[in-house]
N, C-alpha and C. Protein backbone atom coordinates (compact mmCIF):
# COMPACT_ATOMS: atom_id res chain seq x y z
N MET A 1 3.77 -15.15 7.85
CA MET A 1 2.48 -14.53 7.99
C MET A 1 2.63 -13.05 8.37
N VAL A 2 3.58 -12.77 9.25
CA VAL A 2 3.78 -11.39 9.68
C VAL A 2 4.19 -10.51 8.51
N HIS A 3 5.04 -11.03 7.61
CA HIS A 3 5.45 -10.24 6.45
C HIS A 3 4.25 -9.95 5.54
N LYS A 4 3.31 -10.89 5.45
CA LYS A 4 2.10 -10.66 4.66
C LYS A 4 1.27 -9.54 5.28
N LEU A 5 1.18 -9.53 6.60
CA LEU A 5 0.46 -8.45 7.29
C LEU A 5 1.12 -7.10 7.03
N ARG A 6 2.45 -7.06 7.12
CA ARG A 6 3.18 -5.81 6.90
C ARG A 6 3.01 -5.32 5.47
N LYS A 7 2.98 -6.25 4.52
CA LYS A 7 2.78 -5.88 3.12
C LYS A 7 1.39 -5.30 2.90
N ALA A 8 0.36 -5.91 3.52
CA ALA A 8 -1.01 -5.39 3.41
C ALA A 8 -1.12 -4.01 4.03
N ILE A 9 -0.45 -3.82 5.14
CA ILE A 9 -0.44 -2.52 5.80
C ILE A 9 0.14 -1.46 4.88
N GLY A 10 1.27 -1.77 4.25
CA GLY A 10 1.93 -0.82 3.35
C GLY A 10 1.10 -0.48 2.14
N GLN A 11 0.43 -1.47 1.56
CA GLN A 11 -0.42 -1.22 0.40
C GLN A 11 -1.58 -0.33 0.77
N ARG A 12 -2.11 -0.50 1.95
CA ARG A 12 -3.23 0.31 2.39
C ARG A 12 -2.80 1.75 2.59
N ASP A 13 -1.69 1.96 3.25
CA ASP A 13 -1.23 3.32 3.54
C ASP A 13 -0.68 4.04 2.31
N ASP A 14 -0.26 3.31 1.29
CA ASP A 14 0.26 3.95 0.08
C ASP A 14 -0.82 4.71 -0.68
N ARG A 15 -2.08 4.36 -0.46
CA ARG A 15 -3.16 5.03 -1.18
C ARG A 15 -3.38 6.47 -0.72
N TYR A 16 -3.00 6.79 0.50
CA TYR A 16 -3.23 8.12 1.04
C TYR A 16 -2.10 9.06 0.65
N THR A 17 -2.47 10.30 0.31
CA THR A 17 -1.48 11.34 0.07
C THR A 17 -1.54 12.32 1.23
N LEU A 18 -0.42 12.90 1.55
CA LEU A 18 -0.34 13.86 2.64
C LEU A 18 -0.78 15.23 2.14
N GLU A 19 -1.45 15.99 3.01
CA GLU A 19 -1.98 17.30 2.63
C GLU A 19 -1.48 18.37 3.60
N GLY A 20 -1.66 19.62 3.21
CA GLY A 20 -1.33 20.73 4.09
C GLY A 20 0.17 20.93 4.19
N MET A 21 0.63 21.27 5.38
CA MET A 21 2.04 21.49 5.62
C MET A 21 2.74 20.15 5.81
N ILE A 22 3.77 19.90 5.03
CA ILE A 22 4.46 18.62 5.06
C ILE A 22 5.88 18.81 5.60
N GLU A 23 6.25 17.98 6.56
CA GLU A 23 7.62 17.92 7.03
C GLU A 23 8.26 16.70 6.38
N MET A 24 9.48 16.83 5.90
CA MET A 24 10.16 15.72 5.24
C MET A 24 11.64 15.77 5.55
N ASP A 25 12.21 14.61 5.83
CA ASP A 25 13.65 14.50 6.02
C ASP A 25 14.05 13.05 5.74
N GLU A 26 15.34 12.85 5.60
CA GLU A 26 15.86 11.51 5.36
C GLU A 26 16.60 11.02 6.60
N GLY A 27 16.58 9.73 6.77
CA GLY A 27 17.32 9.11 7.86
C GLY A 27 18.01 7.87 7.34
N TYR A 28 19.12 7.53 7.95
CA TYR A 28 19.86 6.33 7.57
C TYR A 28 19.63 5.25 8.62
N PHE A 29 19.08 4.13 8.19
CA PHE A 29 18.76 3.02 9.08
C PHE A 29 19.79 1.92 8.89
N THR A 30 20.20 1.31 9.99
CA THR A 30 21.18 0.24 9.95
C THR A 30 20.53 -1.03 9.44
N ILE A 31 21.17 -1.66 8.47
CA ILE A 31 20.71 -2.92 7.91
C ILE A 31 21.85 -3.93 7.94
N GLU A 32 21.52 -5.16 7.71
CA GLU A 32 22.54 -6.22 7.66
C GLU A 32 23.30 -6.09 6.35
N ALA A 33 24.62 -6.10 6.43
CA ALA A 33 25.45 -6.01 5.23
C ALA A 33 25.36 -7.31 4.45
N SER A 34 25.40 -7.20 3.15
CA SER A 34 25.35 -8.38 2.29
C SER A 34 26.62 -9.20 2.49
N LYS A 35 26.46 -10.49 2.64
CA LYS A 35 27.63 -11.35 2.82
C LYS A 35 28.33 -11.63 1.51
N TYR A 36 27.71 -11.22 0.39
CA TYR A 36 28.32 -11.44 -0.92
C TYR A 36 29.16 -10.25 -1.39
N GLY A 37 29.11 -9.14 -0.67
CA GLY A 37 29.89 -7.96 -1.05
C GLY A 37 31.35 -8.11 -0.65
N ASP A 38 32.15 -7.17 -1.07
CA ASP A 38 33.56 -7.24 -0.68
C ASP A 38 33.70 -6.87 0.80
N GLU A 39 34.85 -7.13 1.34
CA GLU A 39 35.09 -6.98 2.77
C GLU A 39 35.24 -5.53 3.22
N THR A 40 35.57 -4.62 2.32
CA THR A 40 35.77 -3.22 2.72
C THR A 40 34.41 -2.56 2.94
N GLN A 41 34.33 -1.81 4.00
CA GLN A 41 33.10 -1.10 4.34
C GLN A 41 33.32 0.40 4.22
N LYS A 42 32.44 1.06 3.51
CA LYS A 42 32.45 2.51 3.42
C LYS A 42 31.59 3.05 4.55
N SER A 43 32.03 4.10 5.21
CA SER A 43 31.23 4.67 6.28
C SER A 43 30.41 5.84 5.74
N GLY A 44 29.32 6.16 6.42
CA GLY A 44 28.50 7.30 6.03
C GLY A 44 27.60 7.00 4.85
N ARG A 45 27.33 8.02 4.05
CA ARG A 45 26.44 7.90 2.89
C ARG A 45 26.99 6.88 1.90
N GLY A 46 26.16 5.95 1.51
CA GLY A 46 26.59 4.91 0.58
C GLY A 46 27.14 3.66 1.24
N SER A 47 27.09 3.61 2.56
CA SER A 47 27.58 2.44 3.28
C SER A 47 26.69 1.23 3.00
N LYS A 48 27.28 0.05 3.03
CA LYS A 48 26.51 -1.18 2.82
C LYS A 48 25.64 -1.52 4.02
N THR A 49 25.96 -0.92 5.16
CA THR A 49 25.19 -1.22 6.37
C THR A 49 24.17 -0.14 6.70
N LYS A 50 23.95 0.79 5.80
CA LYS A 50 22.96 1.86 6.01
C LYS A 50 22.03 1.93 4.81
N SER A 51 20.77 2.16 5.08
CA SER A 51 19.78 2.33 4.02
C SER A 51 19.12 3.69 4.21
N ASN A 52 18.97 4.43 3.13
CA ASN A 52 18.39 5.75 3.15
C ASN A 52 16.87 5.65 3.14
N VAL A 53 16.22 6.31 4.10
CA VAL A 53 14.77 6.28 4.23
C VAL A 53 14.24 7.70 4.29
N MET A 54 13.20 7.98 3.50
CA MET A 54 12.53 9.28 3.55
C MET A 54 11.33 9.15 4.47
N ILE A 55 11.25 10.06 5.45
CA ILE A 55 10.12 10.12 6.37
C ILE A 55 9.39 11.44 6.12
N MET A 56 8.06 11.36 5.98
CA MET A 56 7.24 12.54 5.74
C MET A 56 6.11 12.57 6.76
N ALA A 57 5.69 13.79 7.14
CA ALA A 57 4.61 13.93 8.11
C ALA A 57 3.72 15.10 7.72
N GLU A 58 2.44 14.91 7.95
CA GLU A 58 1.45 15.95 7.74
C GLU A 58 1.40 16.76 9.03
N SER A 59 1.77 18.03 8.96
CA SER A 59 1.90 18.87 10.14
C SER A 59 0.78 19.91 10.17
N THR A 60 0.16 20.08 11.32
CA THR A 60 -0.93 21.04 11.49
C THR A 60 -0.62 21.94 12.66
N ILE A 61 -0.88 23.24 12.50
CA ILE A 61 -0.67 24.18 13.59
C ILE A 61 -1.97 24.28 14.39
N LEU A 62 -1.87 24.03 15.70
CA LEU A 62 -3.02 24.11 16.59
C LEU A 62 -2.75 25.13 17.68
N GLU A 63 -3.82 25.79 18.13
CA GLU A 63 -3.70 26.79 19.18
C GLU A 63 -4.28 26.22 20.48
N ASP A 64 -3.51 26.33 21.55
CA ASP A 64 -3.99 25.91 22.86
C ASP A 64 -5.01 26.96 23.32
N ILE A 65 -6.21 26.52 23.60
CA ILE A 65 -7.30 27.45 23.94
C ILE A 65 -7.00 28.21 25.22
N LYS A 66 -6.41 27.56 26.20
CA LYS A 66 -6.15 28.20 27.50
C LYS A 66 -5.01 29.21 27.44
N THR A 67 -3.91 28.85 26.78
CA THR A 67 -2.73 29.71 26.78
C THR A 67 -2.59 30.55 25.52
N GLY A 68 -3.23 30.15 24.44
CA GLY A 68 -3.09 30.87 23.17
C GLY A 68 -1.80 30.55 22.44
N LYS A 69 -1.04 29.60 22.98
CA LYS A 69 0.24 29.22 22.37
C LYS A 69 0.00 28.34 21.15
N LEU A 70 0.74 28.61 20.08
CA LEU A 70 0.64 27.81 18.86
C LEU A 70 1.63 26.66 18.91
N GLU A 71 1.15 25.46 18.59
CA GLU A 71 2.00 24.28 18.53
C GLU A 71 1.69 23.50 17.28
N ARG A 72 2.69 22.79 16.78
CA ARG A 72 2.48 21.94 15.61
C ARG A 72 2.23 20.52 16.07
N GLN A 73 1.22 19.91 15.49
CA GLN A 73 0.88 18.52 15.75
C GLN A 73 0.89 17.76 14.44
N CYS A 74 1.17 16.48 14.49
CA CYS A 74 1.20 15.68 13.27
C CYS A 74 0.04 14.69 13.27
N ARG A 75 -0.52 14.54 12.07
CA ARG A 75 -1.60 13.56 11.90
C ARG A 75 -1.03 12.27 11.33
N TYR A 76 -0.61 12.29 10.08
CA TYR A 76 -0.19 11.07 9.41
C TYR A 76 1.27 11.13 9.00
N PHE A 77 1.89 9.96 9.01
CA PHE A 77 3.29 9.82 8.62
C PHE A 77 3.37 8.86 7.44
N LYS A 78 4.46 8.98 6.67
CA LYS A 78 4.80 8.03 5.61
C LYS A 78 6.29 7.78 5.68
N ALA A 79 6.71 6.59 5.30
CA ALA A 79 8.13 6.24 5.25
C ALA A 79 8.38 5.40 4.02
N LYS A 80 9.41 5.77 3.26
CA LYS A 80 9.77 5.03 2.04
C LYS A 80 11.27 4.79 2.02
N VAL A 81 11.66 3.56 1.74
CA VAL A 81 13.07 3.24 1.55
C VAL A 81 13.46 3.76 0.18
N LEU A 82 14.54 4.52 0.12
CA LEU A 82 15.04 5.06 -1.16
C LEU A 82 16.09 4.10 -1.71
N GLU A 83 16.03 3.88 -3.00
CA GLU A 83 16.95 2.93 -3.64
C GLU A 83 18.37 3.48 -3.72
N ASP A 84 18.50 4.78 -3.83
CA ASP A 84 19.84 5.38 -3.93
C ASP A 84 19.83 6.72 -3.21
N ASN A 85 20.93 7.44 -3.29
CA ASN A 85 21.06 8.73 -2.62
C ASN A 85 20.93 9.90 -3.59
N LYS A 86 20.34 9.67 -4.74
CA LYS A 86 20.24 10.71 -5.77
C LYS A 86 18.99 11.56 -5.57
N ALA A 87 19.08 12.84 -5.95
CA ALA A 87 17.98 13.78 -5.76
C ALA A 87 16.75 13.41 -6.57
N ASP A 88 16.92 12.82 -7.75
CA ASP A 88 15.77 12.46 -8.58
C ASP A 88 14.85 11.47 -7.88
N GLY A 89 15.42 10.47 -7.26
CA GLY A 89 14.62 9.48 -6.54
C GLY A 89 13.91 10.09 -5.35
N THR A 90 14.59 10.98 -4.64
CA THR A 90 13.99 11.66 -3.50
C THR A 90 12.83 12.54 -3.95
N ASP A 91 13.04 13.31 -5.01
CA ASP A 91 11.99 14.19 -5.52
C ASP A 91 10.77 13.41 -5.98
N LYS A 92 10.98 12.32 -6.67
CA LYS A 92 9.87 11.50 -7.18
C LYS A 92 9.08 10.89 -6.03
N THR A 93 9.76 10.38 -5.02
CA THR A 93 9.09 9.80 -3.86
C THR A 93 8.27 10.84 -3.13
N PHE A 94 8.83 12.04 -2.99
CA PHE A 94 8.13 13.13 -2.31
C PHE A 94 6.89 13.56 -3.09
N GLU A 95 7.02 13.73 -4.40
CA GLU A 95 5.89 14.16 -5.23
C GLU A 95 4.77 13.13 -5.24
N ASN A 96 5.09 11.85 -5.19
CA ASN A 96 4.07 10.80 -5.17
C ASN A 96 3.34 10.72 -3.84
N SER A 97 3.89 11.30 -2.79
CA SER A 97 3.32 11.16 -1.46
C SER A 97 2.52 12.37 -0.98
N ILE A 98 2.58 13.46 -1.72
CA ILE A 98 1.88 14.66 -1.26
C ILE A 98 0.75 15.02 -2.21
N ASN A 99 -0.19 15.80 -1.69
CA ASN A 99 -1.35 16.23 -2.46
C ASN A 99 -1.11 17.57 -3.12
N ASP A 100 -0.35 18.44 -2.50
CA ASP A 100 -0.05 19.74 -3.09
C ASP A 100 1.39 20.11 -2.79
N GLU A 101 1.77 21.32 -3.08
CA GLU A 101 3.19 21.69 -3.00
C GLU A 101 3.55 22.55 -1.79
N GLN A 102 2.80 22.46 -0.71
CA GLN A 102 3.12 23.23 0.47
C GLN A 102 4.21 22.52 1.25
N THR A 103 5.31 23.20 1.46
CA THR A 103 6.40 22.64 2.25
C THR A 103 6.86 23.69 3.24
N THR A 104 7.66 23.27 4.17
CA THR A 104 8.19 24.20 5.16
C THR A 104 9.70 24.03 5.26
N LYS A 105 10.37 25.08 5.65
CA LYS A 105 11.82 25.02 5.83
C LYS A 105 12.16 25.40 7.26
N GLU A 106 11.46 24.83 8.19
CA GLU A 106 11.66 25.09 9.60
C GLU A 106 12.28 23.86 10.25
N ILE A 107 12.49 23.95 11.55
CA ILE A 107 13.00 22.80 12.28
C ILE A 107 11.94 21.70 12.24
N LEU A 108 12.35 20.52 11.92
CA LEU A 108 11.43 19.42 11.69
C LEU A 108 11.32 18.54 12.93
N LYS A 109 10.71 19.06 13.96
CA LYS A 109 10.62 18.39 15.25
C LYS A 109 9.99 17.00 15.14
N TRP A 110 8.84 16.89 14.50
CA TRP A 110 8.11 15.63 14.47
C TRP A 110 8.81 14.58 13.63
N ILE A 111 9.42 14.99 12.55
CA ILE A 111 10.15 14.04 11.71
C ILE A 111 11.33 13.45 12.46
N HIS A 112 12.08 14.29 13.13
CA HIS A 112 13.24 13.81 13.86
C HIS A 112 12.84 12.89 15.02
N ILE A 113 11.71 13.20 15.66
CA ILE A 113 11.20 12.32 16.71
C ILE A 113 10.80 10.97 16.12
N ALA A 114 10.11 10.99 14.97
CA ALA A 114 9.67 9.75 14.33
C ALA A 114 10.88 8.90 13.90
N ILE A 115 11.89 9.54 13.31
CA ILE A 115 13.08 8.80 12.88
C ILE A 115 13.79 8.16 14.08
N SER A 116 13.98 8.93 15.14
CA SER A 116 14.68 8.38 16.30
C SER A 116 13.86 7.28 16.98
N ASN A 117 12.53 7.44 17.03
CA ASN A 117 11.69 6.39 17.62
C ASN A 117 11.71 5.12 16.78
N ALA A 118 11.70 5.27 15.46
CA ALA A 118 11.76 4.10 14.58
C ALA A 118 13.08 3.36 14.76
N LYS A 119 14.18 4.10 14.78
CA LYS A 119 15.49 3.46 14.96
C LYS A 119 15.55 2.73 16.29
N ARG A 120 15.07 3.37 17.35
CA ARG A 120 15.09 2.77 18.68
C ARG A 120 14.21 1.52 18.71
N ASN A 121 13.05 1.59 18.06
CA ASN A 121 12.14 0.45 17.98
C ASN A 121 12.81 -0.72 17.27
N PHE A 122 13.47 -0.45 16.15
CA PHE A 122 14.11 -1.51 15.37
C PHE A 122 15.26 -2.14 16.14
N ILE A 123 16.05 -1.32 16.83
CA ILE A 123 17.17 -1.86 17.61
C ILE A 123 16.66 -2.76 18.72
N GLY A 124 15.56 -2.35 19.36
CA GLY A 124 15.01 -3.14 20.46
C GLY A 124 14.33 -4.42 20.01
N ASN A 125 13.72 -4.42 18.83
CA ASN A 125 12.94 -5.58 18.38
C ASN A 125 13.68 -6.49 17.40
N TYR A 126 14.45 -5.90 16.51
CA TYR A 126 15.10 -6.66 15.45
C TYR A 126 16.59 -6.40 15.51
N HIS A 127 17.38 -7.44 15.56
CA HIS A 127 18.82 -7.25 15.70
C HIS A 127 19.52 -7.06 14.37
N LYS A 128 19.05 -7.74 13.35
CA LYS A 128 19.63 -7.58 12.01
C LYS A 128 18.48 -7.49 11.02
N ILE A 129 18.37 -6.38 10.35
CA ILE A 129 17.31 -6.18 9.36
C ILE A 129 17.92 -6.29 7.98
N LYS A 130 17.35 -7.16 7.16
CA LYS A 130 17.80 -7.25 5.78
C LYS A 130 17.16 -6.13 4.99
N LYS A 131 17.89 -5.62 4.00
CA LYS A 131 17.40 -4.49 3.22
C LYS A 131 16.06 -4.78 2.56
N LYS A 132 15.83 -6.01 2.11
CA LYS A 132 14.59 -6.33 1.43
C LYS A 132 13.39 -6.30 2.37
N TYR A 133 13.61 -6.38 3.68
CA TYR A 133 12.51 -6.35 4.64
C TYR A 133 12.35 -4.99 5.33
N LEU A 134 13.27 -4.07 5.12
CA LEU A 134 13.22 -2.78 5.82
C LEU A 134 11.92 -2.05 5.55
N GLN A 135 11.43 -2.02 4.30
CA GLN A 135 10.19 -1.32 3.99
C GLN A 135 9.01 -1.94 4.73
N LEU A 136 9.02 -3.26 4.89
CA LEU A 136 7.94 -3.92 5.62
C LEU A 136 7.93 -3.52 7.10
N TYR A 137 9.12 -3.44 7.71
CA TYR A 137 9.21 -3.02 9.10
C TYR A 137 8.79 -1.56 9.24
N LEU A 138 9.16 -0.73 8.27
CA LEU A 138 8.72 0.67 8.30
C LEU A 138 7.20 0.77 8.14
N ASN A 139 6.62 -0.07 7.28
CA ASN A 139 5.16 -0.08 7.12
C ASN A 139 4.47 -0.34 8.45
N GLU A 140 4.97 -1.32 9.19
CA GLU A 140 4.38 -1.66 10.48
C GLU A 140 4.52 -0.50 11.47
N PHE A 141 5.71 0.10 11.52
CA PHE A 141 5.94 1.21 12.44
C PHE A 141 5.02 2.38 12.12
N VAL A 142 4.91 2.76 10.84
CA VAL A 142 4.09 3.89 10.44
C VAL A 142 2.60 3.59 10.66
N TYR A 143 2.19 2.35 10.41
CA TYR A 143 0.80 1.97 10.65
C TYR A 143 0.43 2.20 12.11
N LYS A 144 1.28 1.74 13.00
CA LYS A 144 1.03 1.93 14.43
C LYS A 144 1.08 3.40 14.81
N LEU A 145 2.03 4.13 14.24
CA LEU A 145 2.17 5.55 14.55
C LEU A 145 0.95 6.35 14.09
N ASN A 146 0.46 6.05 12.89
CA ASN A 146 -0.71 6.76 12.37
C ASN A 146 -1.99 6.43 13.12
N ARG A 147 -1.99 5.32 13.81
CA ARG A 147 -3.18 4.91 14.55
C ARG A 147 -2.90 4.90 16.06
N ARG A 148 -2.05 5.80 16.50
CA ARG A 148 -1.61 5.82 17.88
C ARG A 148 -2.73 6.12 18.87
N TYR A 149 -3.83 6.71 18.42
CA TYR A 149 -4.94 7.04 19.33
C TYR A 149 -6.07 6.02 19.24
N PHE A 150 -5.89 4.94 18.50
CA PHE A 150 -6.96 3.95 18.34
C PHE A 150 -7.10 3.04 19.57
N GLY A 151 -6.04 2.92 20.33
CA GLY A 151 -6.08 2.10 21.54
C GLY A 151 -6.32 0.63 21.24
N GLU A 152 -7.34 0.06 21.86
CA GLU A 152 -7.61 -1.37 21.73
C GLU A 152 -8.15 -1.74 20.35
N ARG A 153 -8.62 -0.78 19.58
CA ARG A 153 -9.20 -1.06 18.27
C ARG A 153 -8.15 -1.32 17.19
N ILE A 154 -6.86 -1.10 17.47
CA ILE A 154 -5.84 -1.23 16.43
C ILE A 154 -5.73 -2.66 15.89
N PHE A 155 -5.89 -3.65 16.74
CA PHE A 155 -5.82 -5.04 16.26
C PHE A 155 -6.98 -5.35 15.32
N ASP A 156 -8.19 -4.92 15.69
CA ASP A 156 -9.35 -5.14 14.82
C ASP A 156 -9.16 -4.47 13.46
N ARG A 157 -8.61 -3.26 13.47
CA ARG A 157 -8.36 -2.54 12.21
C ARG A 157 -7.32 -3.27 11.36
N LEU A 158 -6.31 -3.85 12.00
CA LEU A 158 -5.29 -4.61 11.29
C LEU A 158 -5.88 -5.85 10.63
N VAL A 159 -6.75 -6.55 11.32
CA VAL A 159 -7.40 -7.73 10.76
C VAL A 159 -8.26 -7.33 9.56
N ILE A 160 -9.02 -6.25 9.68
CA ILE A 160 -9.86 -5.78 8.58
C ILE A 160 -9.00 -5.38 7.38
N ALA A 161 -7.89 -4.67 7.64
CA ALA A 161 -6.99 -4.26 6.56
C ALA A 161 -6.42 -5.46 5.82
N ASN A 162 -6.08 -6.50 6.55
CA ASN A 162 -5.49 -7.69 5.93
C ASN A 162 -6.51 -8.50 5.14
N ILE A 163 -7.72 -8.63 5.67
CA ILE A 163 -8.75 -9.42 5.00
C ILE A 163 -9.28 -8.73 3.76
N THR A 164 -9.60 -7.45 3.87
CA THR A 164 -10.23 -6.74 2.76
C THR A 164 -9.23 -6.03 1.87
N GLY A 165 -8.05 -5.75 2.39
CA GLY A 165 -7.09 -4.97 1.62
C GLY A 165 -7.35 -3.47 1.75
N TYR A 166 -8.35 -3.08 2.53
CA TYR A 166 -8.69 -1.66 2.69
C TYR A 166 -8.57 -1.23 4.13
N GLY A 167 -9.45 -1.63 5.01
CA GLY A 167 -9.43 -1.32 6.43
C GLY A 167 -9.34 0.09 6.72
């Protein structure tokens, strides 16, 4: 049942495209190695125990009224498991997730925070993640992250999203 909820969450969030300034980076998430593969393990990029994930965030510059200091805040996040490490797949995933072509080449504070929080969340909750379920776990994490200010209403929104497919 939980996997069905995660799938509904992912389908709902896939409809939205990110706008404005977009932060994007890739992260490698630990997954359970296939027991049918050979015994040798490659480390780093292309490892059987790592899956490449693209994380994107809609970034907005806000000014603190009291101090006048400019800070970047994030509204919505997206996460997609990439099938391979090739640039074509990365470019296609990025183009499908954004509304326009505004990008930044600055330090990606919010993306790195989101990646590290997701990894820490997965290590604490799930001990071995199979590759076929990684996208579902990411859907749940991003759903909660995008609705971080909903408070007690998040459960009601989840029920509505699952029943109607929209929410």
